[in-house]
C-alpha atoms as a PDB file:
ATOM      1  CA  MET A   1      -0.611 -24.414  -7.167  1.00  0.00           C
ATOM      2  CA  THR A   2       1.815 -21.653  -7.673  1.00  0.00           C
ATOM      3  CA  VAL A   3       3.765 -20.187  -4.453  1.00  0.00           C
ATOM      4  CA  PRO A   4       3.384 -16.301  -4.739  1.00  0.00           C
ATOM      5  CA  THR A   5       6.809 -14.488  -4.808  1.00  0.00           C
ATOM      6  CA  THR A   6       7.422 -11.430  -2.844  1.00  0.00           C
ATOM      7  CA  LYS A   7       9.961  -8.597  -2.945  1.00  0.00           C
ATOM      8  CA  PRO A   8      11.633  -7.178   0.150  1.00  0.00           C
ATOM      9  CA  ILE A   9      10.148  -4.510   1.720  1.00  0.00           C
ATOM     10  CA  ALA A  10      12.205  -1.103   1.776  1.00  0.00           C
ATOM     11  CA  VAL A  11      10.990   0.731   5.036  1.00  0.00           C
ATOM     12  CA  SER A  12      11.237   4.267   4.786  1.00  0.00           C
ATOM     13  CA  TRP A  13       9.636   5.081   8.107  1.00  0.00           C
ATOM     14  CA  SER A  14      11.090   4.849  11.728  1.00  0.00           C
ATOM     15  CA  THR A  15       9.620   4.154  15.010  1.00  0.00           C
ATOM     16  CA  GLU A  16       9.711   7.940  15.649  1.00  0.00           C
ATOM     17  CA  ASP A  17       7.606   8.128  12.564  1.00  0.00           C
ATOM     18  CA  LEU A  18       5.180   5.563  13.720  1.00  0.00           C
ATOM     19  CA  TYR A  19       4.884   7.296  17.249  1.00  0.00           C
ATOM     20  CA  ASN A  20       4.020  10.604  15.175  1.00  0.00           C
ATOM     21  CA  ILE A  21       1.605   9.112  13.189  1.00  0.00           C
ATOM     22  CA  LEU A  22      -0.432   7.722  15.853  1.00  0.00           C
ATOM     23  CA  MET A  23       0.143  10.650  18.377  1.00  0.00           C
ATOM     24  CA  ARG A  24      -0.734  13.285  15.890  1.00  0.00           C
ATOM     25  CA  GLY A  25      -4.380  12.049  15.636  1.00  0.00           C
ATOM     26  CA  ILE A  26      -4.579  12.307  19.569  1.00  0.00           C
ATOM     27  CA  GLU A  27      -2.487  15.313  20.701  1.00  0.00           C
ATOM     28  CA  PRO A  28      -0.171  16.804  18.061  1.00  0.00           C
ATOM     29  CA  ASP A  29       1.570  18.806  20.882  1.00  0.00           C
ATOM     30  CA  LEU A  30       3.204  15.671  21.962  1.00  0.00           C
ATOM     31  CA  CYS A  31       4.744  15.069  18.287  1.00  0.00           C
ATOM     32  CA  THR A  32       8.595  15.118  18.268  1.00  0.00           C
ATOM     33  CA  ASP A  33       8.334  17.879  16.034  1.00  0.00           C
ATOM     34  CA  THR A  34       6.180  19.981  18.277  1.00  0.00           C
ATOM     35  CA  LEU A  35       7.853  19.475  21.682  1.00  0.00           C
ATOM     36  CA  PRO A  36      10.694  21.983  21.203  1.00  0.00           C
ATOM     37  CA  LEU A  37       7.985  24.825  20.472  1.00  0.00           C
ATOM     38  CA  LEU A  38       5.808  23.974  23.559  1.00  0.00           C
ATOM     39  CA  ASP A  39       7.514  26.631  25.595  1.00  0.00           C
ATOM     40  CA  VAL A  40       6.736  29.184  23.013  1.00  0.00           C
ATOM     41  CA  MET A  41       3.202  28.071  22.307  1.00  0.00           C
ATOM     42  CA  TYR A  42       2.161  27.936  25.877  1.00  0.00           C
ATOM     43  CA  GLU A  43       4.166  31.252  27.049  1.00  0.00           C
ATOM     44  CA  GLY A  44       2.186  32.884  29.612  1.00  0.00           C
ATOM     45  CA  GLU A  45       0.286  30.004  30.611  1.00  0.00           C
ATOM     46  CA  THR A  46      -1.137  30.089  34.171  1.00  0.00           C
ATOM     47  CA  SER A  47       0.076  27.073  36.645  1.00  0.00           C
ATOM     48  CA  ASP A  48      -3.672  26.207  36.655  1.00  0.00           C
ATOM     49  CA  GLN A  49      -3.756  25.813  32.925  1.00  0.00           C
ATOM     50  CA  ARG A  50      -0.381  23.997  32.659  1.00  0.00           C
ATOM     51  CA  LYS A  51      -1.770  21.321  35.231  1.00  0.00           C
ATOM     52  CA  GLU A  52      -4.799  21.015  33.108  1.00  0.00           C
ATOM     53  CA  ARG A  53      -2.599  20.713  30.126  1.00  0.00           C
ATOM     54  CA  MET A  54      -0.232  17.841  31.654  1.00  0.00           C
ATOM     55  CA  GLN A  55      -3.278  16.017  32.809  1.00  0.00           C
ATOM     56  CA  TRP A  56      -4.904  16.070  29.228  1.00  0.00           C
ATOM     57  CA  TYR A  57      -1.102  15.140  27.979  1.00  0.00           C
ATOM     58  CA  SER A  58      -1.416  12.113  30.617  1.00  0.00           C
ATOM     59  CA  GLU A  59      -4.821  11.062  29.064  1.00  0.00           C
ATOM     60  CA  ALA A  60      -3.315  11.701  25.232  1.00  0.00           C
ATOM     61  CA  PHE A  61      -0.436   9.329  26.419  1.00  0.00           C
ATOM     62  CA  ARG A  62      -2.853   6.457  27.560  1.00  0.00           C
ATOM     63  CA  GLN A  63      -4.687   6.956  24.399  1.00  0.00           C
ATOM     64  CA  PHE A  64      -1.499   6.475  22.568  1.00  0.00           C
ATOM     65  CA  LEU A  65      -0.664   3.368  24.234  1.00  0.00           C
ATOM     66  CA  GLU A  66      -4.287   2.131  23.459  1.00  0.00           C
ATOM     67  CA  ARG A  67      -3.853   2.746  19.650  1.00  0.00           C
ATOM     68  CA  TYR A  68      -0.362   1.558  19.673  1.00  0.00           C
ATOM     69  CA  GLU A  69      -1.457  -1.889  21.026  1.00  0.00           C
ATOM     70  CA  LYS A  70      -4.464  -2.235  18.507  1.00  0.00           C
ATOM     71  CA  PHE A  71      -1.998  -1.209  15.708  1.00  0.00           C
ATOM     72  CA  THR A  72       0.463  -4.022  16.768  1.00  0.00           C
ATOM     73  CA  ALA A  73      -2.271  -6.504  17.299  1.00  0.00           C
ATOM     74  CA  ALA A  74      -3.650  -5.997  14.024  1.00  0.00           C
ATOM     75  CA  LEU A  75      -0.294  -6.366  12.456  1.00  0.00           C
ATOM     76  CA  HIS A  76       0.333  -9.407  14.458  1.00  0.00           C
ATOM     77  CA  GLY A  77      -2.932 -10.623  12.969  1.00  0.00           C
ATOM     78  CA  GLU A  78      -2.152 -10.249   9.642  1.00  0.00           C
ATOM     79  CA  PHE A  79       1.225 -11.648   9.943  1.00  0.00           C
ATOM     80  CA  ARG A  80      -0.201 -14.712  11.342  1.00  0.00           C
ATOM     81  CA  LYS A  81      -2.564 -14.802   8.145  1.00  0.00           C
ATOM     82  CA  ILE A  82       0.151 -14.976   5.921  1.00  0.00           C
ATOM     83  CA  GLN A  83       1.901 -17.457   7.922  1.00  0.00           C
ATOM     84  CA  THR A  84      -1.296 -19.862   7.744  1.00  0.00           C
ATOM     85  CA  SER A  85      -1.524 -19.170   4.050  1.00  0.00           C
ATOM     86  CA  LEU A  86       2.307 -20.092   3.267  1.00  0.00           C
ATOM     87  CA  ARG A  87       2.099 -23.042   5.690  1.00  0.00           C
ATOM     88  CA  SER A  88      -0.873 -24.200   3.716  1.00  0.00           C
ATOM     89  CA  ILE A  89       0.651 -23.898   0.512  1.00  0.00           C
ATOM     90  CA  ALA A  90       3.824 -25.758   1.646  1.00  0.00           C
ATOM     91  CA  GLU A  91       1.806 -28.540   2.873  1.00  0.00           C
ATOM     92  CA  GLY A  92      -0.050 -28.556  -0.394  1.00  0.00           C
ATOM     93  CA  LYS A  93       3.111 -28.813  -2.373  1.00  0.00           C
ATOM     94  CA  SER A  94       4.569 -31.353   0.216  1.00  0.00           C
ATOM     95  CA  ALA A  95       1.388 -33.389  -0.257  1.00  0.00           C
ATOM     96  CA  ALA A  96       1.770 -33.205  -3.984  1.00  0.00           C
ATOM     97  CA  HIS A  97       5.568 -34.121  -3.770  1.00  0.00           C
ATOM     98  CA  ASP A  98       4.388 -37.444  -1.466  1.00  0.00           C
ATOM     99  CA  ASP A  99       1.806 -38.353  -4.110  1.00  0.00           C
ATOM    100  CA  ASP A 100       4.545 -38.316  -6.972  1.00  0.00           C
ATOM    101  CA  ALA A 101       7.020 -40.164  -4.841  1.00  0.00           C
ATOM    102  CA  VAL A 102       4.373 -42.803  -4.060  1.00  0.00           C
ATOM    103  CA  LYS A 103       3.081 -43.045  -7.845  1.00  0.00           C
ATOM    104  CA  ASN A 104       6.805 -43.288  -8.630  1.00  0.00           C
ATOM    105  CA  LEU A 105       7.261 -46.301  -6.332  1.00  0.00           C
ATOM    106  CA  GLU A 106       4.191 -47.938  -7.209  1.00  0.00           C
ATOM    107  CA  HIS A 107       5.430 -47.843 -10.906  1.00  0.00           C
ATOM    108  CA  LEU A 108       8.870 -49.300  -9.973  1.00  0.00           C
ATOM    109  CA  PHE A 109       7.195 -52.221  -8.185  1.00  0.00           C
ATOM    110  CA  GLN A 110       4.720 -52.794 -11.111  1.00  0.00           C
ATOM    111  CA  GLU A 111       7.827 -52.877 -13.395  1.00  0.00           C
ATOM    112  CA  ASN A 112       9.798 -55.430 -11.318  1.00  0.00           C
ATOM    113  CA  SER A 113       6.859 -57.787 -10.641  1.00  0.00           C
END
């Protein structure tokens, strides 16, 4: 059984990128690149409209947290699969090594008998 080799991962995204990826599908207004523009985007909005928008933003954050939890749970599950696979490979190698050691000892005892 061969042990798969892996290469180091060069992560080219930040936590902010992850936040924006997840939030963009829910409410683009709340992405970090859009936040500075909100005053201009909603200039002239009434207080009732602003209140309604803030209520929606609150819901958007709730949805974001739900998606984030699902995302991290999925990642955790994938890491567990990798860990289980690697453990299985390592145990297989260990068992093969143990079998070889026993055969070598048996051979030594036979030669010395």
